[in-house]
Amino acid sequence: MMFGLSGTHALGRSGTESSDYREPESSPNPRKCWAAAPLNYPNKESSRFLLTARRLCTEGAAEPPSTNQCIQDGNPPLTHVTLVWQQGVREDWLRFGKPVAERILDRRTRIESYAPGQVFALVRWASNDYGTVRSTLDIVRAVASGEAFTTVPQVNPGGEILLSIRGWPKVRQTFELIDAIEQAGHDPCEVAPDHWRHMHNRLAVGMLPRCYAKSRHLAWLLRRKLQS
């Protein structure tokens, strides 16, 4: 499977339903494009760190926006995620996420933007002549102006980290857990933030996380409706 240019449908492996994950250089899974959908909302009660219309712009090559531009950009302010694709060397992609805007900078780089409250999963992989040097998965909630946030590489200005995994074995295990959530009929973008925190804490100590039950999801949707 040959990967396309940055920003094309064949770029990465986001949104796949197969759990047959291998390291990025040999993965056959295409990237899924999300249709427009309502934004998901933040869990206002949990702020601990324990561990939608889409607009495509094809502007000329430019530097990624500065932090001040990101804070002021959009209404409401947007969170920008920079993705770089250099096959076999550096491969960034989104396992899930519904960006409200996308800008292609060049053949290898694009920026996806998220509104406050949206949740996305950023995967970053890199290698050198000796093998894999970076394999990470971060599930992040985009924050509103004035909210506290944690800095995340390639996420400007940052976000609320719900889950942070390092090392390919754990990243692959997390992919499989996300697959199970999708196969149960749940959109990962709409999953309760507390479940991602639970998954982070369980994986950190080598324990298997609990399944994301339908009753848990319905309870979250009801709570989110009451908070809105």
C-alpha atoms as a PDB file:
ATOM      1  CA  MET A   1       0.000   0.000   0.000  1.00  0.00           C
ATOM      2  CA  MET A   2       1.509   3.302  -1.061  1.00  0.00           C
ATOM      3  CA  PHE A   3       0.759   6.380   1.009  1.00  0.00           C
ATOM      4  CA  GLY A   4      -0.304   9.596  -0.678  1.00  0.00           C
ATOM      5  CA  LEU A   5       0.684  13.174  -0.151  1.00  0.00           C
ATOM      6  CA  SER A   6       0.050  14.931   3.125  1.00  0.00           C
ATOM      7  CA  GLY A   7      -3.625  15.771   3.459  1.00  0.00           C
ATOM      8  CA  THR A   8      -4.862  13.124   1.045  1.00  0.00           C
ATOM      9  CA  HIS A   9      -7.207  10.242   1.828  1.00  0.00           C
ATOM     10  CA  ALA A  10      -4.411   7.682   1.693  1.00  0.00           C
ATOM     11  CA  LEU A  11      -2.181   9.529   4.129  1.00  0.00           C
ATOM     12  CA  GLY A  12      -2.337   7.582   7.350  1.00  0.00           C
ATOM     13  CA  ARG A  13      -4.312   5.032   9.322  1.00  0.00           C
ATOM     14  CA  SER A  14      -6.821   7.113  11.206  1.00  0.00           C
ATOM     15  CA  GLY A  15     -10.223   5.616  11.874  1.00  0.00           C
ATOM     16  CA  THR A  16      -9.534   2.031  10.826  1.00  0.00           C
ATOM     17  CA  GLU A  17     -11.545  -0.824  12.308  1.00  0.00           C
ATOM     18  CA  SER A  18      -8.859  -3.480  11.920  1.00  0.00           C
ATOM     19  CA  SER A  19      -6.761  -4.361  14.967  1.00  0.00           C
ATOM     20  CA  ASP A  20      -3.992  -5.852  12.799  1.00  0.00           C
ATOM     21  CA  TYR A  21      -1.631  -2.991  13.615  1.00  0.00           C
ATOM     22  CA  ARG A  22       1.993  -3.069  12.620  1.00  0.00           C
ATOM     23  CA  GLU A  23       4.625  -0.387  12.824  1.00  0.00           C
ATOM     24  CA  PRO A  24       3.814   2.565  10.545  1.00  0.00           C
ATOM     25  CA  GLU A  25       6.232   1.813   7.724  1.00  0.00           C
ATOM     26  CA  SER A  26       4.312  -1.313   6.688  1.00  0.00           C
ATOM     27  CA  SER A  27       0.744  -0.506   7.663  1.00  0.00           C
ATOM     28  CA  PRO A  28      -1.882  -1.085   4.911  1.00  0.00           C
ATOM     29  CA  ASN A  29      -4.718   0.893   6.440  1.00  0.00           C
ATOM     30  CA  PRO A  30      -5.962   4.122   4.778  1.00  0.00           C
ATOM     31  CA  ARG A  31      -6.975   7.277   6.581  1.00  0.00           C
ATOM     32  CA  LYS A  32     -10.669   7.919   7.128  1.00  0.00           C
ATOM     33  CA  CYS A  33     -12.190  11.315   6.319  1.00  0.00           C
ATOM     34  CA  TRP A  34     -14.859  12.425   8.790  1.00  0.00           C
ATOM     35  CA  ALA A  35     -18.098  14.040   7.725  1.00  0.00           C
ATOM     36  CA  ALA A  36     -19.461  17.129   9.446  1.00  0.00           C
ATOM     37  CA  ALA A  37     -20.952  16.413  12.860  1.00  0.00           C
ATOM     38  CA  PRO A  38     -21.851  18.260  16.083  1.00  0.00           C
ATOM     39  CA  LEU A  39     -18.974  19.117  18.386  1.00  0.00           C
ATOM     40  CA  ASN A  40     -18.414  17.021  21.493  1.00  0.00           C
ATOM     41  CA  TYR A  41     -18.313  18.816  24.826  1.00  0.00           C
ATOM     42  CA  PRO A  42     -15.778  18.728  27.676  1.00  0.00           C
ATOM     43  CA  ASN A  43     -16.203  16.993  31.009  1.00  0.00           C
ATOM     44  CA  LYS A  44     -16.167  20.057  33.265  1.00  0.00           C
ATOM     45  CA  GLU A  45     -16.059  18.059  36.500  1.00  0.00           C
ATOM     46  CA  SER A  46     -12.761  16.259  35.862  1.00  0.00           C
ATOM     47  CA  SER A  47      -9.680  18.378  35.316  1.00  0.00           C
ATOM     48  CA  ARG A  48      -7.004  16.142  36.897  1.00  0.00           C
ATOM     49  CA  PHE A  49      -4.102  14.812  34.900  1.00  0.00           C
ATOM     50  CA  LEU A  50      -3.721  11.353  36.423  1.00  0.00           C
ATOM     51  CA  LEU A  51      -2.243   9.371  34.316  1.00  0.00           C
ATOM     52  CA  THR A  52     -18.812  20.749  12.399  1.00  0.00           C
ATOM     53  CA  ALA A  53     -18.282  21.643   9.076  1.00  0.00           C
ATOM     54  CA  ARG A  54     -14.888  20.947   7.595  1.00  0.00           C
ATOM     55  CA  ARG A  55     -13.100  23.559   5.492  1.00  0.00           C
ATOM     56  CA  LEU A  56     -10.141  22.618   3.309  1.00  0.00           C
ATOM     57  CA  CYS A  57      -7.602  25.330   2.476  1.00  0.00           C
ATOM     58  CA  THR A  58      -4.723  24.883   0.093  1.00  0.00           C
ATOM     59  CA  GLU A  59      -2.656  27.901   0.885  1.00  0.00           C
ATOM     60  CA  GLY A  60       0.982  28.177  -0.117  1.00  0.00           C
ATOM     61  CA  ALA A  61       3.759  26.908   2.075  1.00  0.00           C
ATOM     62  CA  ALA A  62       4.075  28.865   5.275  1.00  0.00           C
ATOM     63  CA  GLU A  63       5.289  28.572   8.813  1.00  0.00           C
ATOM     64  CA  PRO A  64       2.853  27.044  11.358  1.00  0.00           C
ATOM     65  CA  PRO A  65       0.911  29.741  13.248  1.00  0.00           C
ATOM     66  CA  SER A  66       2.407  31.114  16.415  1.00  0.00           C
ATOM     67  CA  THR A  67       0.849  30.614  19.834  1.00  0.00           C
ATOM     68  CA  ASN A  68      -0.649  34.110  19.818  1.00  0.00           C
ATOM     69  CA  GLN A  69      -2.193  33.512  16.398  1.00  0.00           C
ATOM     70  CA  CYS A  70      -3.677  30.248  17.624  1.00  0.00           C
ATOM     71  CA  ILE A  71      -5.210  31.881  20.664  1.00  0.00           C
ATOM     72  CA  GLN A  72      -6.798  34.616  18.565  1.00  0.00           C
ATOM     73  CA  ASP A  73      -7.631  32.497  15.507  1.00  0.00           C
ATOM     74  CA  GLY A  74     -11.240  31.458  15.011  1.00  0.00           C
ATOM     75  CA  ASN A  75     -14.426  32.151  16.890  1.00  0.00           C
ATOM     76  CA  PRO A  76     -14.196  30.341  19.255  1.00  0.00           C
ATOM     77  CA  PRO A  77     -10.370  30.088  19.328  1.00  0.00           C
ATOM     78  CA  LEU A  78      -9.065  26.945  17.664  1.00  0.00           C
ATOM     79  CA  THR A  79      -6.415  24.395  18.611  1.00  0.00           C
ATOM     80  CA  HIS A  80      -4.025  23.599  15.754  1.00  0.00           C
ATOM     81  CA  VAL A  81      -2.354  20.224  15.236  1.00  0.00           C
ATOM     82  CA  THR A  82       0.642  20.049  12.900  1.00  0.00           C
ATOM     83  CA  LEU A  83       1.081  16.715  11.076  1.00  0.00           C
ATOM     84  CA  VAL A  84       4.212  15.750   9.159  1.00  0.00           C
ATOM     85  CA  TRP A  85       4.430  12.711   6.867  1.00  0.00           C
ATOM     86  CA  GLN A  86       7.813  11.463   5.645  1.00  0.00           C
ATOM     87  CA  GLN A  87       7.291   7.762   5.074  1.00  0.00           C
ATOM     88  CA  GLY A  88       9.594   5.513   7.035  1.00  0.00           C
ATOM     89  CA  VAL A  89      11.235   8.448   8.807  1.00  0.00           C
ATOM     90  CA  ARG A  90       8.536  10.535  10.488  1.00  0.00           C
ATOM     91  CA  GLU A  91       4.846   9.706  10.313  1.00  0.00           C
ATOM     92  CA  ASP A  92       2.206  11.677  12.224  1.00  0.00           C
ATOM     93  CA  TRP A  93      -1.508  11.007  11.928  1.00  0.00           C
ATOM     94  CA  LEU A  94      -4.793  11.181  13.831  1.00  0.00           C
ATOM     95  CA  ARG A  95      -6.314   7.920  15.033  1.00  0.00           C
ATOM     96  CA  PHE A  96      -9.603   9.778  15.409  1.00  0.00           C
ATOM     97  CA  GLY A  97     -10.791  13.366  15.363  1.00  0.00           C
ATOM     98  CA  LYS A  98     -13.186  15.651  13.495  1.00  0.00           C
ATOM     99  CA  PRO A  99     -11.313  18.820  12.556  1.00  0.00           C
ATOM    100  CA  VAL A 100     -13.322  21.921  11.742  1.00  0.00           C
ATOM    101  CA  ALA A 101     -10.622  23.171   9.355  1.00  0.00           C
ATOM    102  CA  GLU A 102      -7.563  21.876   7.558  1.00  0.00           C
ATOM    103  CA  ARG A 103      -4.682  23.665   5.851  1.00  0.00           C
ATOM    104  CA  ILE A 104      -2.107  21.979   3.612  1.00  0.00           C
ATOM    105  CA  LEU A 105       1.290  23.667   3.898  1.00  0.00           C
ATOM    106  CA  ASP A 106       3.263  21.449   1.526  1.00  0.00           C
ATOM    107  CA  ARG A 107       3.539  17.862   0.299  1.00  0.00           C
ATOM    108  CA  ARG A 108       4.529  16.633   3.744  1.00  0.00           C
ATOM    109  CA  THR A 109       2.875  18.974   6.218  1.00  0.00           C
ATOM    110  CA  ARG A 110      -0.657  19.997   7.070  1.00  0.00           C
ATOM    111  CA  ILE A 111      -2.422  21.655  10.012  1.00  0.00           C
ATOM    112  CA  GLU A 112      -5.770  20.467  11.356  1.00  0.00           C
ATOM    113  CA  SER A 113      -7.807  22.710  13.654  1.00  0.00           C
ATOM    114  CA  TYR A 114     -10.208  21.795  16.455  1.00  0.00           C
ATOM    115  CA  ALA A 115     -12.810  23.812  18.332  1.00  0.00           C
ATOM    116  CA  PRO A 116     -12.917  23.903  22.161  1.00  0.00           C
ATOM    117  CA  GLY A 117     -14.282  20.675  23.626  1.00  0.00           C
ATOM    118  CA  GLN A 118     -13.374  18.453  20.681  1.00  0.00           C
ATOM    119  CA  VAL A 119     -11.329  15.329  21.380  1.00  0.00           C
ATOM    120  CA  PHE A 120      -8.694  13.877  19.052  1.00  0.00           C
ATOM    121  CA  ALA A 121      -6.003  11.184  19.158  1.00  0.00           C
ATOM    122  CA  LEU A 122      -2.569  12.190  17.865  1.00  0.00           C
ATOM    123  CA  VAL A 123      -0.088   9.463  16.878  1.00  0.00           C
ATOM    124  CA  ARG A 124       3.578  10.346  16.322  1.00  0.00           C
ATOM    125  CA  TRP A 125       6.149   7.849  15.045  1.00  0.00           C
ATOM    126  CA  ALA A 126       9.761   8.327  13.985  1.00  0.00           C
ATOM    127  CA  SER A 127      12.761   6.148  13.190  1.00  0.00           C
ATOM    128  CA  ASN A 128      16.434   6.347  12.250  1.00  0.00           C
ATOM    129  CA  ASP A 129      19.015   3.923  10.856  1.00  0.00           C
ATOM    130  CA  TYR A 130      18.835   1.863  14.045  1.00  0.00           C
ATOM    131  CA  GLY A 131      15.044   1.489  14.294  1.00  0.00           C
ATOM    132  CA  THR A 132      12.083   3.192  15.967  1.00  0.00           C
ATOM    133  CA  VAL A 133      13.026   6.182  18.118  1.00  0.00           C
ATOM    134  CA  ARG A 134       9.536   7.513  18.900  1.00  0.00           C
ATOM    135  CA  SER A 135       6.098   5.930  19.090  1.00  0.00           C
ATOM    136  CA  THR A 136       3.472   7.896  21.020  1.00  0.00           C
ATOM    137  CA  LEU A 137      -0.294   8.263  21.262  1.00  0.00           C
ATOM    138  CA  ASP A 138      -1.934  11.235  22.975  1.00  0.00           C
ATOM    139  CA  ILE A 139      -5.693  11.709  23.356  1.00  0.00           C
ATOM    140  CA  VAL A 140      -6.276  15.415  23.849  1.00  0.00           C
ATOM    141  CA  ARG A 141      -9.268  17.677  24.447  1.00  0.00           C
ATOM    142  CA  ALA A 142      -9.053  21.090  22.793  1.00  0.00           C
ATOM    143  CA  VAL A 143      -9.505  23.849  25.389  1.00  0.00           C
ATOM    144  CA  ALA A 144     -11.261  27.196  25.297  1.00  0.00           C
ATOM    145  CA  SER A 145      -9.571  30.557  25.762  1.00  0.00           C
ATOM    146  CA  GLY A 146      -8.617  31.041  29.407  1.00  0.00           C
ATOM    147  CA  GLU A 147      -8.708  27.328  30.302  1.00  0.00           C
ATOM    148  CA  ALA A 148      -5.676  25.666  31.820  1.00  0.00           C
ATOM    149  CA  PHE A 149      -3.857  23.364  29.414  1.00  0.00           C
ATOM    150  CA  THR A 150      -0.799  21.140  29.102  1.00  0.00           C
ATOM    151  CA  THR A 151       1.709  21.644  26.301  1.00  0.00           C
ATOM    152  CA  VAL A 152       1.738  18.817  23.761  1.00  0.00           C
ATOM    153  CA  PRO A 153       4.278  18.500  20.922  1.00  0.00           C
ATOM    154  CA  GLN A 154       2.790  19.711  17.625  1.00  0.00           C
ATOM    155  CA  VAL A 155      -0.415  20.913  19.336  1.00  0.00           C
ATOM    156  CA  ASN A 156      -0.710  24.686  19.510  1.00  0.00           C
ATOM    157  CA  PRO A 157      -1.218  26.090  22.083  1.00  0.00           C
ATOM    158  CA  GLY A 158      -1.824  22.760  23.896  1.00  0.00           C
ATOM    159  CA  GLY A 159      -4.770  20.911  25.415  1.00  0.00           C
ATOM    160  CA  GLU A 160      -6.127  18.778  28.224  1.00  0.00           C
ATOM    161  CA  ILE A 161      -4.352  15.426  28.031  1.00  0.00           C
ATOM    162  CA  LEU A 162      -6.776  12.562  28.676  1.00  0.00           C
ATOM    163  CA  LEU A 163      -4.419   9.713  27.775  1.00  0.00           C
ATOM    164  CA  SER A 164      -0.701   9.596  26.985  1.00  0.00           C
ATOM    165  CA  ILE A 165       1.035   6.394  25.876  1.00  0.00           C
ATOM    166  CA  ARG A 166       4.681   5.803  24.963  1.00  0.00           C
ATOM    167  CA  GLY A 167       6.204   2.775  23.219  1.00  0.00           C
ATOM    168  CA  TRP A 168       4.849   0.771  20.282  1.00  0.00           C
ATOM    169  CA  PRO A 169       3.543  -2.274  22.297  1.00  0.00           C
ATOM    170  CA  LYS A 170       1.312  -0.040  24.449  1.00  0.00           C
ATOM    171  CA  VAL A 171       0.341   2.138  21.476  1.00  0.00           C
ATOM    172  CA  ARG A 172      -0.762  -0.964  19.590  1.00  0.00           C
ATOM    173  CA  GLN A 173      -2.690  -2.204  22.627  1.00  0.00           C
ATOM    174  CA  THR A 174      -4.468   1.154  22.826  1.00  0.00           C
ATOM    175  CA  PHE A 175      -5.354   0.924  19.125  1.00  0.00           C
ATOM    176  CA  GLU A 176      -7.024  -2.413  19.806  1.00  0.00           C
ATOM    177  CA  LEU A 177      -8.981  -0.957  22.722  1.00  0.00           C
ATOM    178  CA  ILE A 178     -10.171   1.913  20.500  1.00  0.00           C
ATOM    179  CA  ASP A 179     -11.144  -0.656  17.860  1.00  0.00           C
ATOM    180  CA  ALA A 180     -13.289  -2.422  20.466  1.00  0.00           C
ATOM    181  CA  ILE A 181     -15.052   0.845  21.291  1.00  0.00           C
ATOM    182  CA  GLU A 182     -15.801   1.420  17.601  1.00  0.00           C
ATOM    183  CA  GLN A 183     -16.987  -2.140  17.091  1.00  0.00           C
ATOM    184  CA  ALA A 184     -19.409  -1.658  19.993  1.00  0.00           C
ATOM    185  CA  GLY A 185     -20.981   1.186  17.991  1.00  0.00           C
ATOM    186  CA  HIS A 186     -19.468   4.175  19.826  1.00  0.00           C
ATOM    187  CA  ASP A 187     -17.728   7.118  18.191  1.00  0.00           C
ATOM    188  CA  PRO A 188     -14.354   7.593  19.960  1.00  0.00           C
ATOM    189  CA  CYS A 189     -14.802  11.364  19.643  1.00  0.00           C
ATOM    190  CA  GLU A 190     -17.927  11.095  21.810  1.00  0.00           C
ATOM    191  CA  VAL A 191     -16.547   8.767  24.496  1.00  0.00           C
ATOM    192  CA  ALA A 192     -16.644   9.997  28.113  1.00  0.00           C
ATOM    193  CA  PRO A 193     -13.332  11.738  28.942  1.00  0.00           C
ATOM    194  CA  ASP A 194     -13.220   9.838  32.231  1.00  0.00           C
ATOM    195  CA  HIS A 195     -12.908   6.577  30.292  1.00  0.00           C
ATOM    196  CA  TRP A 196      -9.752   7.758  28.553  1.00  0.00           C
ATOM    197  CA  ARG A 197      -8.303   8.752  31.943  1.00  0.00           C
ATOM    198  CA  HIS A 198      -9.253   5.339  33.310  1.00  0.00           C
ATOM    199  CA  MET A 199      -7.584   3.666  30.329  1.00  0.00           C
ATOM    200  CA  HIS A 200      -4.434   5.763  30.798  1.00  0.00           C
ATOM    201  CA  ASN A 201      -4.129   4.856  34.498  1.00  0.00           C
ATOM    202  CA  ARG A 202      -4.761   1.139  33.936  1.00  0.00           C
ATOM    203  CA  LEU A 203      -2.269   0.853  31.091  1.00  0.00           C
ATOM    204  CA  ALA A 204       0.334   2.794  33.103  1.00  0.00           C
ATOM    205  CA  VAL A 205       0.361   0.042  35.759  1.00  0.00           C
ATOM    206  CA  GLY A 206       0.037  -2.871  33.339  1.00  0.00           C
ATOM    207  CA  MET A 207      -3.650  -3.597  33.978  1.00  0.00           C
ATOM    208  CA  LEU A 208      -6.376  -4.180  31.401  1.00  0.00           C
ATOM    209  CA  PRO A 209      -8.931  -1.319  31.297  1.00  0.00           C
ATOM    210  CA  ARG A 210     -12.619  -2.000  31.761  1.00  0.00           C
ATOM    211  CA  CYS A 211     -14.785  -2.193  28.670  1.00  0.00           C
ATOM    212  CA  TYR A 212     -16.707   0.914  27.674  1.00  0.00           C
ATOM    213  CA  ALA A 213     -20.249  -0.258  28.372  1.00  0.00           C
ATOM    214  CA  LYS A 214     -23.345   1.098  26.658  1.00  0.00           C
ATOM    215  CA  SER A 215     -24.792   2.105  30.037  1.00  0.00           C
ATOM    216  CA  ARG A 216     -21.634   4.112  30.771  1.00  0.00           C
ATOM    217  CA  HIS A 217     -21.923   5.902  27.448  1.00  0.00           C
ATOM    218  CA  LEU A 218     -25.616   6.710  27.944  1.00  0.00           C
ATOM    219  CA  ALA A 219     -24.842   8.078  31.408  1.00  0.00           C
ATOM    220  CA  TRP A 220     -22.161  10.324  29.920  1.00  0.00           C
ATOM    221  CA  LEU A 221     -24.461  11.600  27.172  1.00  0.00           C
ATOM    222  CA  LEU A 222     -27.109  12.452  29.770  1.00  0.00           C
ATOM    223  CA  ARG A 223     -24.619  14.265  31.994  1.00  0.00           C
ATOM    224  CA  ARG A 224     -23.257  16.185  29.000  1.00  0.00           C
ATOM    225  CA  LYS A 225     -26.770  17.236  28.038  1.00  0.00           C
ATOM    226  CA  LEU A 226     -27.464  18.485  31.557  1.00  0.00           C
ATOM    227  CA  GLN A 227     -24.198  20.456  31.575  1.00  0.00           C
ATOM    228  CA  SER A 228     -24.816  22.133  28.227  1.00  0.00           C
END
